[in-house]
Protein backbone atom coordinates (compact mmCIF):
# COMPACT_ATOMS: atom_id res chain seq x y z
CA MET A 1 72.16 -26.99 -3.85
CA LYS A 2 70.33 -25.04 -1.15
CA PHE A 3 67.52 -27.57 -1.27
CA PHE A 4 69.79 -30.59 -0.96
CA ALA A 5 71.65 -29.15 2.03
CA SER A 6 68.38 -28.19 3.74
CA TRP A 7 66.86 -31.59 3.02
CA ARG A 8 69.89 -33.36 4.47
CA ARG A 9 69.64 -31.27 7.65
CA ALA A 10 65.92 -31.86 7.98
CA GLY A 11 64.86 -33.92 10.94
CA ARG A 12 63.76 -37.47 10.22
CA ARG A 13 60.21 -36.59 11.31
CA GLU A 14 59.89 -33.79 8.72
CA LEU A 15 61.28 -36.04 6.00
CA VAL A 16 58.93 -38.90 6.73
CA ALA A 17 55.88 -36.63 7.04
CA ALA A 18 56.64 -34.78 3.80
CA GLU A 19 57.45 -37.99 1.92
CA ALA A 20 54.24 -39.66 3.11
CA ASP A 21 52.11 -36.65 2.14
CA VAL A 22 53.80 -36.32 -1.26
CA LEU A 23 53.42 -40.04 -1.94
CA GLY A 24 49.74 -39.80 -1.02
CA GLU A 25 49.28 -37.02 -3.57
CA LEU A 26 51.11 -39.02 -6.25
CA LYS A 27 48.77 -41.96 -5.64
CA ARG A 28 45.68 -39.72 -5.76
CA LEU A 29 46.93 -38.20 -9.02
CA ARG A 30 47.37 -41.64 -10.56
CA THR A 31 43.84 -42.51 -9.46
CA ARG A 32 42.45 -39.37 -11.11
CA ILE A 33 44.37 -40.04 -14.34
CA PRO A 34 44.37 -43.78 -15.14
CA GLN A 35 46.62 -43.27 -18.19
CA LEU A 36 49.58 -42.37 -15.97
CA ARG A 37 52.24 -45.08 -15.87
CA GLY A 38 54.25 -43.40 -13.17
CA ALA A 39 54.68 -40.34 -10.99
CA LEU A 40 57.84 -39.10 -9.28
CA THR A 41 58.81 -36.11 -7.22
CA ALA A 42 62.43 -35.00 -7.10
CA SER A 43 64.44 -32.11 -5.79
CA VAL A 44 65.54 -29.62 -8.41
CA ASP A 45 69.01 -31.17 -8.25
CA GLY A 46 67.75 -34.71 -8.94
CA LEU A 47 67.29 -36.27 -5.50
CA LEU A 48 64.34 -38.69 -5.45
CA LEU A 49 61.77 -37.60 -2.87
CA ALA A 50 58.80 -39.91 -3.58
CA GLN A 51 57.69 -42.25 -6.33
CA ASP A 52 54.68 -44.15 -7.53
CA ALA A 53 56.25 -45.80 -10.55
CA SER A 54 57.20 -49.43 -10.94
CA ASP A 55 58.61 -49.89 -14.43
CA VAL A 56 61.36 -47.22 -14.40
CA GLU A 57 64.62 -46.71 -12.58
CA ALA A 58 63.42 -43.81 -10.45
CA GLU A 59 66.80 -42.42 -9.39
CA GLY A 60 67.96 -42.32 -13.00
CA VAL A 61 64.77 -40.59 -14.13
CA CYS A 62 65.21 -38.01 -11.37
CA ALA A 63 68.80 -37.34 -12.43
CA LEU A 64 67.72 -36.94 -16.06
CA THR A 65 64.88 -34.67 -14.95
CA ALA A 66 67.40 -32.43 -13.18
CA ALA A 67 69.51 -32.27 -16.34
CA ALA A 68 66.45 -31.46 -18.50
CA LEU A 69 65.38 -28.87 -15.95
CA GLY A 70 68.75 -27.14 -16.27
CA VAL A 71 68.37 -26.90 -20.04
CA ALA A 72 64.73 -25.77 -19.74
CA LEU A 73 65.71 -23.03 -17.28
CA ARG A 74 68.44 -21.76 -19.60
CA LEU A 75 66.14 -21.89 -22.63
CA SER A 76 63.35 -20.09 -20.80
CA ASP A 77 65.79 -17.43 -19.64
CA ALA A 78 67.44 -17.01 -23.05
CA THR A 79 64.07 -16.54 -24.73
CA HIS A 80 62.74 -14.21 -22.01
CA GLN A 81 59.78 -16.48 -21.24
CA GLY A 82 59.99 -16.13 -17.44
CA GLY A 83 60.43 -18.77 -14.78
CA PHE A 84 60.14 -22.49 -15.46
CA ARG A 85 56.63 -23.94 -15.16
CA GLU A 86 56.53 -27.16 -17.17
CA LEU A 87 58.23 -29.29 -19.79
CA ILE A 88 56.54 -31.96 -21.89
CA ILE A 89 58.18 -34.54 -24.10
CA ARG A 90 56.17 -36.65 -26.50
CA GLY A 91 57.73 -39.94 -27.52
CA GLU A 92 56.41 -42.80 -29.62
CA GLN A 93 55.33 -44.68 -26.48
CA GLY A 94 53.88 -41.77 -24.53
CA TYR A 95 54.70 -38.59 -22.64
CA VAL A 96 57.13 -37.43 -20.01
CA ALA A 97 55.87 -34.26 -18.35
CA THR A 98 57.71 -32.27 -15.68
CA TYR A 99 56.11 -29.51 -13.62
CA ALA A 100 57.60 -27.05 -11.16
CA ALA A 101 56.56 -27.97 -7.61
CA GLY A 102 57.32 -24.95 -5.48
CA THR A 103 60.86 -23.64 -5.37
CA SER A 104 62.55 -26.88 -4.33
CA ALA A 105 61.03 -29.74 -6.30
CA VAL A 106 59.59 -30.99 -9.57
CA LEU A 107 56.83 -33.44 -10.41
CA THR A 108 57.57 -35.82 -13.28
CA LEU A 109 54.80 -37.89 -14.85
CA LEU A 110 54.98 -40.75 -17.32
CA ALA A 111 51.84 -41.11 -19.42
CA GLU A 112 50.44 -43.38 -22.10
CA PRO A 113 50.23 -41.97 -25.64
CA ARG A 114 46.40 -41.95 -25.51
CA ILE A 115 46.24 -39.52 -22.56
CA ASN A 116 44.21 -36.34 -22.80
CA VAL A 117 47.05 -33.80 -22.53
CA GLY A 118 44.70 -31.01 -21.41
CA ARG A 119 43.51 -33.16 -18.50
CA LEU A 120 47.10 -34.11 -17.73
CA HIS A 121 48.05 -30.44 -17.46
CA LEU A 122 45.00 -29.57 -15.36
CA GLU A 123 45.52 -32.33 -12.80
CA ALA A 124 49.30 -32.09 -12.76
CA ARG A 125 49.28 -28.34 -12.17
CA ARG A 126 47.00 -28.84 -9.16
CA SER A 127 49.15 -31.64 -7.78
CA SER A 128 52.42 -29.84 -8.38
CA ALA A 129 51.13 -26.81 -6.46
CA LEU A 130 50.18 -29.00 -3.49
CA ILE A 131 53.45 -30.94 -3.62
CA GLY A 132 55.38 -27.69 -3.84
CA GLU A 133 53.68 -26.44 -0.67
CA LEU A 134 54.46 -29.68 1.16
CA VAL A 135 58.11 -29.82 0.13
CA ASP A 136 58.80 -26.12 0.60
CA ALA A 137 57.25 -26.28 4.09
CA ALA A 138 59.51 -29.22 4.99
CA VAL A 139 62.55 -27.32 3.73
CA ASP A 140 61.51 -24.23 5.71
CA ARG A 141 61.11 -26.30 8.88
CA ALA A 142 64.53 -27.85 8.27
CA GLU A 143 66.15 -24.44 7.87
CA GLU A 144 64.60 -23.25 11.15
CA THR A 145 66.33 -26.02 13.11
């Protein structure tokens, strides 16, 4: 909830700048990995921050991501595996992969079943680190005001 309160207090300028930068990274990620069908960034409590996905209901996916994140955090803690890093789900029609993006956000990717999962991880980990820096910086600026 800290993130949501900070994000709500953030000035409009910080929000727009962070959203534009995050959206730019989502678009670059989709360019680097053509098998991605969508990319979304959400707060850890399910608030949509940016999206580059056309065939999904983004707010619903973000809410479900927050719920899955809660379970993943508890599972990781219960099994003494350390902090959450990523979660991947393989379905008949492709993958849903969620990556930690700093302390305040997550990156969720929707991929075709033919994707190279190693390449997905490589590129997504890079993007999630950058997105995490962008979002955490916006939250920090919001908390300073």
